[in-house]
Amino acid sequence: MEGMSVAKAVGTAALVMAGIWGFDRLMLVAEARGYVYWRRKKPSPGTVGTALMEVQSIFEPGKEHTVKEVREEETEEDDSGDPPDLS
C-alpha cells in the first residue's frame, strides 16, 4: 500500500509538471504570433499606460480628451520622419 501512494504522488507530480510545460509552450507560440507578452518580449511602457488611460476614459469621460491628445502626439512623432531624439 505504501508503494502505491508514493507512485501515485510521483505520477501526479509528473502530470502537473507536464501540464505546466505544455502551457508554457502554448504561451510561447501565442507570444511568437503577437497575441500575448509571455517570457521573451516585454511590452513597451507606453502600451500599458495607453491601455490604462483607455479604461479610465470609460469610467471618467473627462479623461477622453487626454487619451485623444496622447494619440495625436504619438501620431505626430511617427509621421515626422525625423530620427528619434536620443537625448
N, C-alpha and C. Protein backbone atom coordinates (compact mmCIF):
# COMPACT_ATOMS: atom_id res chain seq x y z
N MET A 1 0.80 -1.20 0.00
CA MET A 1 0.00 0.00 0.00
C MET A 1 0.85 1.27 0.00
N GLU A 2 1.92 1.27 0.78
CA GLU A 2 2.78 2.44 0.87
C GLU A 2 3.41 2.76 -0.48
N GLY A 3 3.82 1.76 -1.23
CA GLY A 3 4.43 1.95 -2.54
C GLY A 3 3.48 2.54 -3.55
N MET A 4 2.22 2.21 -3.47
CA MET A 4 1.22 2.74 -4.40
C MET A 4 1.00 4.24 -4.18
N SER A 5 0.99 4.69 -2.94
CA SER A 5 0.77 6.12 -2.69
C SER A 5 1.97 6.96 -3.15
N VAL A 6 3.18 6.42 -3.01
CA VAL A 6 4.36 7.13 -3.49
C VAL A 6 4.33 7.19 -5.01
N ALA A 7 4.00 6.08 -5.64
CA ALA A 7 3.92 6.05 -7.10
C ALA A 7 2.83 7.00 -7.60
N LYS A 8 1.73 7.05 -6.89
CA LYS A 8 0.65 7.96 -7.27
C LYS A 8 1.09 9.42 -7.14
N ALA A 9 1.83 9.73 -6.07
CA ALA A 9 2.32 11.09 -5.87
C ALA A 9 3.32 11.47 -6.96
N VAL A 10 4.21 10.55 -7.30
CA VAL A 10 5.19 10.82 -8.34
C VAL A 10 4.49 10.99 -9.69
N GLY A 11 3.51 10.15 -9.98
CA GLY A 11 2.75 10.27 -11.22
C GLY A 11 1.99 11.58 -11.31
N THR A 12 1.39 11.98 -10.20
CA THR A 12 0.65 13.25 -10.16
C THR A 12 1.61 14.42 -10.37
N ALA A 13 2.76 14.38 -9.71
CA ALA A 13 3.75 15.44 -9.88
C ALA A 13 4.23 15.51 -11.33
N ALA A 14 4.42 14.35 -11.95
CA ALA A 14 4.86 14.32 -13.35
C ALA A 14 3.79 14.91 -14.26
N LEU A 15 2.53 14.61 -14.01
CA LEU A 15 1.44 15.17 -14.82
C LEU A 15 1.34 16.69 -14.64
N VAL A 16 1.51 17.15 -13.42
CA VAL A 16 1.46 18.59 -13.17
C VAL A 16 2.61 19.30 -13.90
N MET A 17 3.80 18.72 -13.81
CA MET A 17 4.96 19.31 -14.49
C MET A 17 4.75 19.31 -16.01
N ALA A 18 4.21 18.23 -16.55
CA ALA A 18 3.94 18.17 -17.99
C ALA A 18 2.90 19.21 -18.39
N GLY A 19 1.89 19.42 -17.54
CA GLY A 19 0.88 20.44 -17.82
C GLY A 19 1.45 21.84 -17.81
N ILE A 20 2.32 22.12 -16.85
CA ILE A 20 2.97 23.43 -16.78
C ILE A 20 3.85 23.65 -18.01
N TRP A 21 4.61 22.62 -18.37
CA TRP A 21 5.48 22.73 -19.55
C TRP A 21 4.64 22.96 -20.81
N GLY A 22 3.54 22.23 -20.95
CA GLY A 22 2.67 22.39 -22.12
C GLY A 22 2.07 23.78 -22.19
N PHE A 23 1.64 24.30 -21.05
CA PHE A 23 1.08 25.65 -21.01
C PHE A 23 2.13 26.68 -21.39
N ASP A 24 3.36 26.50 -20.89
CA ASP A 24 4.44 27.41 -21.23
C ASP A 24 4.70 27.40 -22.73
N ARG A 25 4.76 26.23 -23.34
CA ARG A 25 4.98 26.12 -24.79
C ARG A 25 3.84 26.79 -25.56
N LEU A 26 2.62 26.58 -25.11
CA LEU A 26 1.47 27.21 -25.76
C LEU A 26 1.57 28.73 -25.70
N MET A 27 1.97 29.26 -24.55
CA MET A 27 2.10 30.70 -24.40
C MET A 27 3.25 31.25 -25.24
N LEU A 28 4.33 30.49 -25.39
CA LEU A 28 5.43 30.94 -26.25
C LEU A 28 5.00 31.01 -27.71
N VAL A 29 4.18 30.05 -28.14
CA VAL A 29 3.66 30.10 -29.52
C VAL A 29 2.75 31.32 -29.67
N ALA A 30 1.89 31.56 -28.68
CA ALA A 30 1.00 32.73 -28.74
C ALA A 30 1.82 34.02 -28.75
N GLU A 31 2.91 34.05 -28.01
CA GLU A 31 3.77 35.23 -28.00
C GLU A 31 4.43 35.44 -29.35
N ALA A 32 4.86 34.36 -29.97
CA ALA A 32 5.50 34.46 -31.29
C ALA A 32 4.53 35.01 -32.33
N ARG A 33 3.26 34.73 -32.17
CA ARG A 33 2.25 35.24 -33.09
C ARG A 33 1.76 36.64 -32.71
N GLY A 34 2.21 37.16 -31.58
CA GLY A 34 1.86 38.52 -31.18
C GLY A 34 0.60 38.64 -30.37
N TYR A 35 0.07 37.53 -29.85
CA TYR A 35 -1.17 37.60 -29.08
C TYR A 35 -0.96 38.04 -27.64
N VAL A 36 0.15 37.63 -27.02
CA VAL A 36 0.42 37.94 -25.62
C VAL A 36 1.90 38.25 -25.43
N TYR A 37 2.23 38.86 -24.30
CA TYR A 37 3.61 39.01 -23.87
C TYR A 37 3.83 37.95 -22.80
N TRP A 38 4.80 37.07 -22.99
CA TRP A 38 4.99 35.98 -22.04
C TRP A 38 6.36 36.03 -21.41
N ARG A 39 7.40 35.52 -22.06
CA ARG A 39 8.72 35.49 -21.45
C ARG A 39 9.76 36.25 -22.25
N ARG A 40 9.70 36.20 -23.55
CA ARG A 40 10.77 36.72 -24.38
C ARG A 40 10.59 38.19 -24.76
N LYS A 41 9.38 38.64 -24.89
CA LYS A 41 9.12 40.02 -25.27
C LYS A 41 8.50 40.75 -24.09
N LYS A 42 8.90 41.99 -23.93
CA LYS A 42 8.35 42.82 -22.87
C LYS A 42 7.53 43.95 -23.51
N PRO A 43 6.37 44.25 -22.96
CA PRO A 43 5.59 45.35 -23.53
C PRO A 43 6.28 46.69 -23.30
N SER A 44 6.09 47.59 -24.23
CA SER A 44 6.66 48.93 -24.04
C SER A 44 5.84 49.65 -22.97
N PRO A 45 6.48 50.49 -22.18
CA PRO A 45 5.76 51.18 -21.11
C PRO A 45 4.60 52.03 -21.63
N GLY A 46 4.74 52.59 -22.82
CA GLY A 46 3.67 53.41 -23.37
C GLY A 46 2.42 52.61 -23.68
N THR A 47 2.60 51.35 -24.04
CA THR A 47 1.46 50.50 -24.36
C THR A 47 0.58 50.29 -23.14
N VAL A 48 1.21 50.00 -22.02
CA VAL A 48 0.46 49.75 -20.78
C VAL A 48 -0.23 51.03 -20.33
N GLY A 49 0.49 52.14 -20.39
CA GLY A 49 -0.10 53.41 -19.97
C GLY A 49 -1.28 53.82 -20.82
N THR A 50 -1.17 53.63 -22.13
CA THR A 50 -2.27 53.97 -23.02
C THR A 50 -3.47 53.07 -22.76
N ALA A 51 -3.24 51.80 -22.52
CA ALA A 51 -4.34 50.88 -22.24
C ALA A 51 -5.06 51.28 -20.95
N LEU A 52 -4.30 51.67 -19.93
CA LEU A 52 -4.93 52.08 -18.68
C LEU A 52 -5.71 53.38 -18.85
N MET A 53 -5.20 54.30 -19.68
CA MET A 53 -5.95 55.54 -19.92
C MET A 53 -7.25 55.25 -20.67
N GLU A 54 -7.23 54.27 -21.58
CA GLU A 54 -8.45 53.91 -22.29
C GLU A 54 -9.50 53.40 -21.31
N VAL A 55 -9.09 52.55 -20.38
CA VAL A 55 -10.02 52.03 -19.38
C VAL A 55 -10.53 53.16 -18.50
N GLN A 56 -9.63 54.05 -18.12
CA GLN A 56 -10.04 55.17 -17.27
C GLN A 56 -11.02 56.09 -18.00
N SER A 57 -10.86 56.23 -19.32
CA SER A 57 -11.76 57.11 -20.07
C SER A 57 -13.18 56.53 -20.12
N ILE A 58 -13.31 55.23 -19.93
CA ILE A 58 -14.65 54.63 -19.89
C ILE A 58 -15.36 55.06 -18.62
N PHE A 59 -14.64 55.03 -17.50
CA PHE A 59 -15.25 55.36 -16.22
C PHE A 59 -15.26 56.85 -15.93
N GLU A 60 -14.34 57.59 -16.52
CA GLU A 60 -14.28 59.04 -16.34
C GLU A 60 -14.25 59.69 -17.72
N PRO A 61 -15.40 60.05 -18.27
CA PRO A 61 -15.44 60.60 -19.63
C PRO A 61 -14.57 61.84 -19.83
N GLY A 62 -14.28 62.56 -18.79
CA GLY A 62 -13.42 63.74 -18.90
C GLY A 62 -12.00 63.39 -19.30
N LYS A 63 -11.58 62.17 -19.07
CA LYS A 63 -10.22 61.74 -19.41
C LYS A 63 -10.08 61.41 -20.90
N GLU A 64 -11.20 61.37 -21.61
CA GLU A 64 -11.15 61.03 -23.03
C GLU A 64 -10.32 62.05 -23.80
N HIS A 65 -10.38 63.30 -23.38
CA HIS A 65 -9.57 64.35 -24.02
C HIS A 65 -8.09 64.02 -23.90
N THR A 66 -7.66 63.56 -22.73
CA THR A 66 -6.26 63.20 -22.51
C THR A 66 -5.85 62.06 -23.44
N VAL A 67 -6.70 61.06 -23.58
CA VAL A 67 -6.40 59.92 -24.45
C VAL A 67 -6.24 60.40 -25.89
N LYS A 68 -7.11 61.30 -26.34
CA LYS A 68 -7.00 61.82 -27.71
C LYS A 68 -5.71 62.59 -27.91
N GLU A 69 -5.30 63.38 -26.92
CA GLU A 69 -4.06 64.14 -27.02
C GLU A 69 -2.85 63.21 -27.13
N VAL A 70 -2.84 62.15 -26.33
CA VAL A 70 -1.71 61.20 -26.37
C VAL A 70 -1.66 60.54 -27.74
N ARG A 71 -2.82 60.16 -28.28
CA ARG A 71 -2.85 59.54 -29.60
C ARG A 71 -2.30 60.49 -30.66
N GLU A 72 -2.69 61.76 -30.59
CA GLU A 72 -2.23 62.74 -31.57
C GLU A 72 -0.72 62.94 -31.46
N GLU A 73 -0.18 62.98 -30.23
CA GLU A 73 1.26 63.14 -30.05
C GLU A 73 2.00 61.94 -30.63
N GLU A 74 1.49 60.73 -30.39
CA GLU A 74 2.14 59.54 -30.93
C GLU A 74 2.12 59.55 -32.45
N THR A 75 1.01 60.00 -33.04
CA THR A 75 0.90 60.06 -34.49
C THR A 75 1.86 61.09 -35.05
N GLU A 76 1.96 62.25 -34.39
CA GLU A 76 2.88 63.28 -34.85
C GLU A 76 4.33 62.80 -34.80
N GLU A 77 4.68 62.07 -33.74
CA GLU A 77 6.04 61.56 -33.63
C GLU A 77 6.32 60.53 -34.72
N ASP A 78 5.34 59.69 -35.02
CA ASP A 78 5.52 58.67 -36.05
C ASP A 78 5.60 59.29 -37.44
N ASP A 79 4.85 60.35 -37.68
CA ASP A 79 4.78 60.94 -39.01
C ASP A 79 5.89 61.94 -39.30
N SER A 80 6.64 62.36 -38.30
CA SER A 80 7.61 63.43 -38.52
C SER A 80 8.72 63.02 -39.47
N GLY A 81 9.10 61.75 -39.48
CA GLY A 81 10.15 61.28 -40.36
C GLY A 81 11.55 61.59 -39.88
N ASP A 82 11.66 62.40 -38.85
CA ASP A 82 12.97 62.69 -38.29
C ASP A 82 13.45 61.51 -37.45
N PRO A 83 14.76 61.35 -37.34
CA PRO A 83 15.25 60.28 -36.47
C PRO A 83 14.87 60.59 -35.03
N PRO A 84 14.70 59.58 -34.21
CA PRO A 84 14.28 59.82 -32.82
C PRO A 84 15.35 60.58 -32.04
N ASP A 85 14.88 61.44 -31.15
CA ASP A 85 15.78 62.22 -30.31
C ASP A 85 16.25 61.33 -29.17
N LEU A 86 17.55 61.06 -29.11
CA LEU A 86 18.09 60.14 -28.11
C LEU A 86 18.60 60.85 -26.88
N SER A 87 18.44 62.15 -26.79
CA SER A 87 18.94 62.85 -25.60
C SER A 87 17.93 62.89 -24.50
